Amino acid sequence: MKIRAENLIAAVGELRVGLLAVRDLADTLLSLVEARGRITIFETGFQTWFSVHASRLP
């Protein structure tokens, strides 16, 4: 079986496109996880602040 250079180049190009798509998906998922972590930290901080300061409300 003889592999032509143009077929090899095309296959490498397809592989590259697939790997870039996987990387983009991984970046998106990581961003969502990090955003959720920031929201959780904000919610926890607000709950702590509110529980401390709520007792001072008239």
N, C-alpha and C. Protein backbone atom coordinates (compact mmCIF):
# COMPACT_ATOMS: atom_id res chain seq x y z
N MET A 1 0.85 -1.18 0.00
CA MET A 1 0.00 0.00 0.00
C MET A 1 0.89 1.24 0.00
N LYS A 2 0.68 2.07 -0.97
CA LYS A 2 1.49 3.26 -1.13
C LYS A 2 0.70 4.48 -0.64
N ILE A 3 1.33 5.25 0.24
CA ILE A 3 0.69 6.45 0.76
C ILE A 3 1.22 7.65 -0.01
N ARG A 4 0.33 8.39 -0.57
CA ARG A 4 0.73 9.59 -1.30
C ARG A 4 0.97 10.73 -0.32
N ALA A 5 1.92 11.57 -0.68
CA ALA A 5 2.27 12.70 0.18
C ALA A 5 1.07 13.62 0.39
N GLU A 6 0.29 13.83 -0.66
CA GLU A 6 -0.86 14.73 -0.52
C GLU A 6 -1.92 14.15 0.42
N ASN A 7 -2.08 12.81 0.39
CA ASN A 7 -3.02 12.18 1.32
C ASN A 7 -2.53 12.28 2.76
N LEU A 8 -1.23 12.13 2.94
CA LEU A 8 -0.64 12.24 4.27
C LEU A 8 -0.80 13.67 4.81
N ILE A 9 -0.56 14.64 3.96
CA ILE A 9 -0.71 16.04 4.36
C ILE A 9 -2.17 16.34 4.72
N ALA A 10 -3.09 15.82 3.93
CA ALA A 10 -4.52 16.01 4.21
C ALA A 10 -4.91 15.36 5.54
N ALA A 11 -4.38 14.16 5.79
CA ALA A 11 -4.69 13.46 7.04
C ALA A 11 -4.14 14.21 8.24
N VAL A 12 -2.94 14.73 8.13
CA VAL A 12 -2.35 15.51 9.22
C VAL A 12 -3.17 16.78 9.45
N GLY A 13 -3.63 17.39 8.38
CA GLY A 13 -4.48 18.58 8.51
C GLY A 13 -5.78 18.27 9.23
N GLU A 14 -6.40 17.15 8.89
CA GLU A 14 -7.63 16.73 9.56
C GLU A 14 -7.39 16.44 11.03
N LEU A 15 -6.29 15.80 11.32
CA LEU A 15 -5.93 15.52 12.72
C LEU A 15 -5.74 16.81 13.49
N ARG A 16 -5.07 17.77 12.87
CA ARG A 16 -4.84 19.07 13.51
C ARG A 16 -6.17 19.77 13.82
N VAL A 17 -7.08 19.74 12.86
CA VAL A 17 -8.40 20.37 13.07
C VAL A 17 -9.12 19.69 14.23
N GLY A 18 -9.06 18.37 14.28
CA GLY A 18 -9.71 17.64 15.37
C GLY A 18 -9.10 17.97 16.72
N LEU A 19 -7.79 18.05 16.78
CA LEU A 19 -7.12 18.37 18.05
C LEU A 19 -7.43 19.79 18.50
N LEU A 20 -7.51 20.72 17.56
CA LEU A 20 -7.87 22.10 17.91
C LEU A 20 -9.29 22.17 18.46
N ALA A 21 -10.19 21.38 17.89
CA ALA A 21 -11.57 21.35 18.38
C ALA A 21 -11.62 20.79 19.80
N VAL A 22 -10.85 19.75 20.07
CA VAL A 22 -10.80 19.18 21.42
C VAL A 22 -10.22 20.19 22.40
N ARG A 23 -9.18 20.91 21.99
CA ARG A 23 -8.58 21.92 22.86
C ARG A 23 -9.57 23.04 23.16
N ASP A 24 -10.31 23.48 22.15
CA ASP A 24 -11.31 24.53 22.36
C ASP A 24 -12.40 24.06 23.32
N LEU A 25 -12.83 22.82 23.17
CA LEU A 25 -13.84 22.28 24.07
C LEU A 25 -13.31 22.21 25.50
N ALA A 26 -12.07 21.76 25.66
CA ALA A 26 -11.47 21.68 26.99
C ALA A 26 -11.35 23.07 27.62
N ASP A 27 -10.96 24.07 26.83
CA ASP A 27 -10.87 25.45 27.33
C ASP A 27 -12.24 25.96 27.78
N THR A 28 -13.27 25.65 26.99
CA THR A 28 -14.62 26.08 27.34
C THR A 28 -15.08 25.43 28.64
N LEU A 29 -14.86 24.14 28.77
CA LEU A 29 -15.27 23.44 29.99
C LEU A 29 -14.51 23.96 31.20
N LEU A 30 -13.22 24.21 31.04
CA LEU A 30 -12.43 24.75 32.14
C LEU A 30 -12.93 26.13 32.54
N SER A 31 -13.28 26.95 31.58
CA SER A 31 -13.82 28.29 31.88
C SER A 31 -15.12 28.19 32.66
N LEU A 32 -15.97 27.24 32.28
CA LEU A 32 -17.24 27.06 33.00
C LEU A 32 -17.00 26.61 34.43
N VAL A 33 -16.07 25.70 34.63
CA VAL A 33 -15.75 25.22 35.97
C VAL A 33 -15.17 26.35 36.81
N GLU A 34 -14.26 27.13 36.23
CA GLU A 34 -13.67 28.26 36.97
C GLU A 34 -14.72 29.31 37.30
N ALA A 35 -15.62 29.58 36.36
CA ALA A 35 -16.68 30.56 36.61
C ALA A 35 -17.58 30.08 37.73
N ARG A 36 -17.90 28.81 37.74
CA ARG A 36 -18.75 28.26 38.81
C ARG A 36 -18.04 28.39 40.15
N GLY A 37 -16.74 28.17 40.18
CA GLY A 37 -15.97 28.31 41.42
C GLY A 37 -16.00 29.74 41.93
N ARG A 38 -15.89 30.71 41.03
CA ARG A 38 -15.93 32.12 41.44
C ARG A 38 -17.30 32.48 41.98
N ILE A 39 -18.35 31.97 41.36
CA ILE A 39 -19.71 32.25 41.83
C ILE A 39 -19.89 31.66 43.22
N THR A 40 -19.42 30.45 43.44
CA THR A 40 -19.56 29.81 44.75
C THR A 40 -18.82 30.60 45.81
N ILE A 41 -17.62 31.07 45.50
CA ILE A 41 -16.85 31.86 46.46
C ILE A 41 -17.60 33.16 46.76
N PHE A 42 -18.17 33.80 45.74
CA PHE A 42 -18.92 35.03 45.94
C PHE A 42 -20.14 34.77 46.82
N GLU A 43 -20.89 33.70 46.52
CA GLU A 43 -22.08 33.39 47.31
C GLU A 43 -21.72 33.12 48.76
N THR A 44 -20.66 32.37 48.99
CA THR A 44 -20.23 32.06 50.35
C THR A 44 -19.81 33.33 51.08
N GLY A 45 -19.07 34.19 50.40
CA GLY A 45 -18.65 35.45 51.01
C GLY A 45 -19.84 36.33 51.35
N PHE A 46 -20.83 36.39 50.46
CA PHE A 46 -22.01 37.21 50.72
C PHE A 46 -22.79 36.64 51.90
N GLN A 47 -22.95 35.33 51.95
CA GLN A 47 -23.68 34.71 53.06
C GLN A 47 -22.98 34.99 54.38
N THR A 48 -21.66 34.92 54.40
CA THR A 48 -20.90 35.21 55.62
C THR A 48 -21.08 36.67 56.01
N TRP A 49 -20.94 37.58 55.06
CA TRP A 49 -21.10 39.00 55.34
C TRP A 49 -22.50 39.28 55.86
N PHE A 50 -23.51 38.70 55.23
CA PHE A 50 -24.89 38.94 55.63
C PHE A 50 -25.16 38.40 57.03
N SER A 51 -24.64 37.22 57.34
CA SER A 51 -24.88 36.64 58.66
C SER A 51 -24.21 37.47 59.75
N VAL A 52 -23.08 38.08 59.46
CA VAL A 52 -22.40 38.93 60.44
C VAL A 52 -23.14 40.25 60.61
N HIS A 53 -23.55 40.86 59.50
CA HIS A 53 -24.13 42.20 59.56
C HIS A 53 -25.64 42.21 59.77
N ALA A 54 -26.31 41.10 59.56
CA ALA A 54 -27.76 41.06 59.73
C ALA A 54 -28.15 41.31 61.18
N SER A 55 -27.32 40.88 62.11
CA SER A 55 -27.64 41.08 63.53
C SER A 55 -27.58 42.55 63.91
N ARG A 56 -26.91 43.36 63.11
CA ARG A 56 -26.79 44.80 63.40
C ARG A 56 -27.92 45.61 62.78
N LEU A 57 -28.75 44.98 61.97
CA LEU A 57 -29.85 45.70 61.35
C LEU A 57 -30.91 46.04 62.39
N PRO A 58 -31.57 47.20 62.25
CA PRO A 58 -32.60 47.59 63.24
C PRO A 58 -33.81 46.69 63.20
